[in-house]
Amino acid sequence: MNETGKIKILVADDNTGFRVLVEELLAKAGYEPSVHEDGLLAWEALQAGGADMAILDINMPVMDGMELLARIRADERFKTMPVLMLTVRSLTEDQVDGYDCGADDYLPKPFSNEVLLARIKTLERRILNK
């Protein structure tokens, strides 16, 4: 949590429309979004400013969401940070791969705004109960 008491959520998605939508949803719900267009920029922002939670797309240029997730899980500071994969890859195998790589939740696009916020609230409980 930052100094204002808001939970900071790292968002990495190369699709501008989804990125803007998620940023607006998070801000309206009282979170502090840190939004980036690829995994490498998100990783650099995480290293510089930290985050409490992450929402990652899988298919991104430069560094994809699975590589970013692997880096998060390998970093002592962030290895327990809740991570939700938010992606168009909706096959069962994709979802299982996401969980196997360390994702805490997996939500295929398109998604319901209400369901996304409910999943974030569920992950938020892990942060608040530390």
C-alpha atoms as a PDB file:
ATOM      1  CA  MET A   1       0.000   0.000   0.000  1.00  0.00           C
ATOM      2  CA  ASN A   2       1.236   3.469  -0.777  1.00  0.00           C
ATOM      3  CA  GLU A   3       1.374   6.436   1.584  1.00  0.00           C
ATOM      4  CA  THR A   4      -2.241   7.378   0.744  1.00  0.00           C
ATOM      5  CA  GLY A   5      -3.443   3.925   1.762  1.00  0.00           C
ATOM      6  CA  LYS A   6      -4.303   2.923  -1.803  1.00  0.00           C
ATOM      7  CA  ILE A   7      -3.336  -0.452  -3.172  1.00  0.00           C
ATOM      8  CA  LYS A   8      -1.003  -0.015  -6.148  1.00  0.00           C
ATOM      9  CA  ILE A   9      -1.755  -2.329  -9.057  1.00  0.00           C
ATOM     10  CA  LEU A  10       0.759  -2.888 -11.835  1.00  0.00           C
ATOM     11  CA  VAL A  11      -0.982  -3.352 -15.207  1.00  0.00           C
ATOM     12  CA  ALA A  12       0.779  -4.616 -18.339  1.00  0.00           C
ATOM     13  CA  ASP A  13      -1.234  -4.858 -21.576  1.00  0.00           C
ATOM     14  CA  ASP A  14      -0.268  -3.885 -25.113  1.00  0.00           C
ATOM     15  CA  ASN A  15      -3.897  -3.310 -26.172  1.00  0.00           C
ATOM     16  CA  THR A  16      -4.615   0.392 -25.654  1.00  0.00           C
ATOM     17  CA  GLY A  17      -8.375  -0.108 -25.301  1.00  0.00           C
ATOM     18  CA  PHE A  18      -8.089  -2.728 -22.586  1.00  0.00           C
ATOM     19  CA  ARG A  19      -5.295  -0.806 -20.863  1.00  0.00           C
ATOM     20  CA  VAL A  20      -7.393   2.360 -20.662  1.00  0.00           C
ATOM     21  CA  LEU A  21     -10.480   0.433 -19.541  1.00  0.00           C
ATOM     22  CA  VAL A  22      -8.616  -1.358 -16.753  1.00  0.00           C
ATOM     23  CA  GLU A  23      -6.905   1.862 -15.658  1.00  0.00           C
ATOM     24  CA  GLU A  24     -10.256   3.667 -15.415  1.00  0.00           C
ATOM     25  CA  LEU A  25     -11.926   0.769 -13.571  1.00  0.00           C
ATOM     26  CA  LEU A  26      -9.111   0.573 -11.051  1.00  0.00           C
ATOM     27  CA  ALA A  27      -8.977   4.326 -10.445  1.00  0.00           C
ATOM     28  CA  LYS A  28     -12.768   4.543  -9.971  1.00  0.00           C
ATOM     29  CA  ALA A  29     -12.606   1.626  -7.518  1.00  0.00           C
ATOM     30  CA  GLY A  30     -10.028   3.460  -5.390  1.00  0.00           C
ATOM     31  CA  TYR A  31      -6.849   1.720  -6.509  1.00  0.00           C
ATOM     32  CA  GLU A  32      -3.651   3.307  -7.791  1.00  0.00           C
ATOM     33  CA  PRO A  33      -2.980   1.874 -11.263  1.00  0.00           C
ATOM     34  CA  SER A  34       0.539   1.783 -12.710  1.00  0.00           C
ATOM     35  CA  VAL A  35      -0.135   1.070 -16.389  1.00  0.00           C
ATOM     36  CA  HIS A  36       2.372  -0.055 -19.040  1.00  0.00           C
ATOM     37  CA  GLU A  37       2.228  -1.188 -22.667  1.00  0.00           C
ATOM     38  CA  ASP A  38       4.664  -4.085 -22.448  1.00  0.00           C
ATOM     39  CA  GLY A  39       6.209  -6.408 -19.921  1.00  0.00           C
ATOM     40  CA  LEU A  40       9.638  -4.789 -19.908  1.00  0.00           C
ATOM     41  CA  LEU A  41       8.252  -1.327 -19.117  1.00  0.00           C
ATOM     42  CA  ALA A  42       6.091  -2.881 -16.399  1.00  0.00           C
ATOM     43  CA  TRP A  43       9.108  -4.717 -14.960  1.00  0.00           C
ATOM     44  CA  GLU A  44      11.165  -1.515 -14.917  1.00  0.00           C
ATOM     45  CA  ALA A  45       8.316   0.357 -13.190  1.00  0.00           C
ATOM     46  CA  LEU A  46       7.942  -2.440 -10.640  1.00  0.00           C
ATOM     47  CA  GLN A  47      11.675  -2.325  -9.893  1.00  0.00           C
ATOM     48  CA  ALA A  48      11.584   1.467  -9.498  1.00  0.00           C
ATOM     49  CA  GLY A  49       8.308   1.959  -7.640  1.00  0.00           C
ATOM     50  CA  GLY A  50       6.979  -1.384  -6.443  1.00  0.00           C
ATOM     51  CA  ALA A  51       3.358  -2.546  -6.470  1.00  0.00           C
ATOM     52  CA  ASP A  52       0.968  -4.540  -4.299  1.00  0.00           C
ATOM     53  CA  MET A  53      -0.637  -6.566  -7.076  1.00  0.00           C
ATOM     54  CA  ALA A  54      -0.273  -7.135 -10.827  1.00  0.00           C
ATOM     55  CA  ILE A  55      -2.659  -7.634 -13.749  1.00  0.00           C
ATOM     56  CA  LEU A  56      -0.794  -9.021 -16.752  1.00  0.00           C
ATOM     57  CA  ASP A  57      -1.667  -9.748 -20.362  1.00  0.00           C
ATOM     58  CA  ILE A  58       0.188 -12.700 -21.860  1.00  0.00           C
ATOM     59  CA  ASN A  59       0.685 -11.592 -25.470  1.00  0.00           C
ATOM     60  CA  MET A  60       2.848  -8.462 -25.415  1.00  0.00           C
ATOM     61  CA  PRO A  61       5.872  -7.255 -27.368  1.00  0.00           C
ATOM     62  CA  VAL A  62       9.357  -6.963 -25.869  1.00  0.00           C
ATOM     63  CA  MET A  63       8.523  -9.134 -22.801  1.00  0.00           C
ATOM     64  CA  ASP A  64       5.361 -11.233 -22.579  1.00  0.00           C
ATOM     65  CA  GLY A  65       3.272 -11.715 -19.480  1.00  0.00           C
ATOM     66  CA  MET A  66       4.629 -15.186 -18.691  1.00  0.00           C
ATOM     67  CA  GLU A  67       8.224 -13.915 -18.653  1.00  0.00           C
ATOM     68  CA  LEU A  68       7.172 -10.968 -16.499  1.00  0.00           C
ATOM     69  CA  LEU A  69       5.367 -13.352 -14.134  1.00  0.00           C
ATOM     70  CA  ALA A  70       8.501 -15.521 -13.927  1.00  0.00           C
ATOM     71  CA  ARG A  71      10.611 -12.461 -13.035  1.00  0.00           C
ATOM     72  CA  ILE A  72       8.092 -11.413 -10.376  1.00  0.00           C
ATOM     73  CA  ARG A  73       8.100 -14.889  -8.810  1.00  0.00           C
ATOM     74  CA  ALA A  74      11.932 -15.004  -8.862  1.00  0.00           C
ATOM     75  CA  ASP A  75      12.296 -11.638  -7.083  1.00  0.00           C
ATOM     76  CA  GLU A  76      12.344 -11.879  -3.270  1.00  0.00           C
ATOM     77  CA  ARG A  77      10.547  -8.530  -2.928  1.00  0.00           C
ATOM     78  CA  PHE A  78       7.605  -9.498  -5.139  1.00  0.00           C
ATOM     79  CA  LYS A  79       7.424 -13.295  -5.160  1.00  0.00           C
ATOM     80  CA  THR A  80       4.263 -13.387  -3.014  1.00  0.00           C
ATOM     81  CA  MET A  81       2.553 -10.470  -4.781  1.00  0.00           C
ATOM     82  CA  PRO A  82      -0.883 -11.481  -6.119  1.00  0.00           C
ATOM     83  CA  VAL A  83      -0.929 -11.725  -9.932  1.00  0.00           C
ATOM     84  CA  LEU A  84      -3.990 -11.957 -12.156  1.00  0.00           C
ATOM     85  CA  MET A  85      -3.529 -12.903 -15.803  1.00  0.00           C
ATOM     86  CA  LEU A  86      -5.988 -10.989 -18.023  1.00  0.00           C
ATOM     87  CA  THR A  87      -5.707 -12.247 -21.589  1.00  0.00           C
ATOM     88  CA  VAL A  88      -7.474 -13.306 -24.784  1.00  0.00           C
ATOM     89  CA  ARG A  89      -5.849 -16.729 -24.412  1.00  0.00           C
ATOM     90  CA  SER A  90      -8.841 -18.591 -23.040  1.00  0.00           C
ATOM     91  CA  LEU A  91      -8.057 -22.239 -23.798  1.00  0.00           C
ATOM     92  CA  THR A  92      -7.921 -24.564 -20.819  1.00  0.00           C
ATOM     93  CA  GLU A  93      -4.245 -25.283 -21.543  1.00  0.00           C
ATOM     94  CA  ASP A  94      -3.446 -21.561 -21.483  1.00  0.00           C
ATOM     95  CA  GLN A  95      -5.154 -21.149 -18.139  1.00  0.00           C
ATOM     96  CA  VAL A  96      -3.373 -24.175 -16.666  1.00  0.00           C
ATOM     97  CA  ASP A  97      -0.043 -22.826 -17.983  1.00  0.00           C
ATOM     98  CA  GLY A  98      -0.765 -19.510 -16.290  1.00  0.00           C
ATOM     99  CA  TYR A  99      -1.473 -21.161 -12.950  1.00  0.00           C
ATOM    100  CA  ASP A 100       1.542 -23.453 -13.337  1.00  0.00           C
ATOM    101  CA  CYS A 101       3.762 -20.412 -13.914  1.00  0.00           C
ATOM    102  CA  GLY A 102       2.585 -18.830 -10.674  1.00  0.00           C
ATOM    103  CA  ALA A 103      -0.538 -16.808 -11.482  1.00  0.00           C
ATOM    104  CA  ASP A 104      -3.010 -16.490  -8.622  1.00  0.00           C
ATOM    105  CA  ASP A 105      -5.975 -15.973 -10.939  1.00  0.00           C
ATOM    106  CA  TYR A 106      -6.716 -16.035 -14.655  1.00  0.00           C
ATOM    107  CA  LEU A 107      -9.484 -14.112 -16.412  1.00  0.00           C
ATOM    108  CA  PRO A 108     -10.034 -14.437 -20.178  1.00  0.00           C
ATOM    109  CA  LYS A 109     -10.932 -11.387 -22.312  1.00  0.00           C
ATOM    110  CA  PRO A 110     -13.530 -10.165 -22.945  1.00  0.00           C
ATOM    111  CA  PHE A 111     -14.464  -9.907 -19.288  1.00  0.00           C
ATOM    112  CA  SER A 112     -17.199  -8.442 -17.136  1.00  0.00           C
ATOM    113  CA  ASN A 113     -16.046  -5.314 -15.307  1.00  0.00           C
ATOM    114  CA  GLU A 114     -17.837  -6.531 -12.183  1.00  0.00           C
ATOM    115  CA  VAL A 115     -16.087  -9.912 -12.305  1.00  0.00           C
ATOM    116  CA  LEU A 116     -12.677  -8.272 -12.740  1.00  0.00           C
ATOM    117  CA  LEU A 117     -13.258  -6.039  -9.708  1.00  0.00           C
ATOM    118  CA  ALA A 118     -14.531  -9.013  -7.675  1.00  0.00           C
ATOM    119  CA  ARG A 119     -11.391 -10.995  -8.517  1.00  0.00           C
ATOM    120  CA  ILE A 120      -9.224  -8.012  -7.547  1.00  0.00           C
ATOM    121  CA  LYS A 121     -11.091  -7.716  -4.226  1.00  0.00           C
ATOM    122  CA  THR A 122     -10.405 -11.404  -3.575  1.00  0.00           C
ATOM    123  CA  LEU A 123      -6.676 -10.913  -4.215  1.00  0.00           C
ATOM    124  CA  GLU A 124      -6.746  -7.726  -2.136  1.00  0.00           C
ATOM    125  CA  ARG A 125      -7.786  -9.749   0.923  1.00  0.00           C
ATOM    126  CA  ARG A 126      -4.439 -11.577   0.699  1.00  0.00           C
ATOM    127  CA  ILE A 127      -2.612  -8.252   0.879  1.00  0.00           C
ATOM    128  CA  LEU A 128      -4.663  -6.885   3.748  1.00  0.00           C
ATOM    129  CA  ASN A 129      -4.426 -10.086   5.794  1.00  0.00           C
ATOM    130  CA  LYS A 130      -0.601 -10.130   5.848  1.00  0.00           C
END
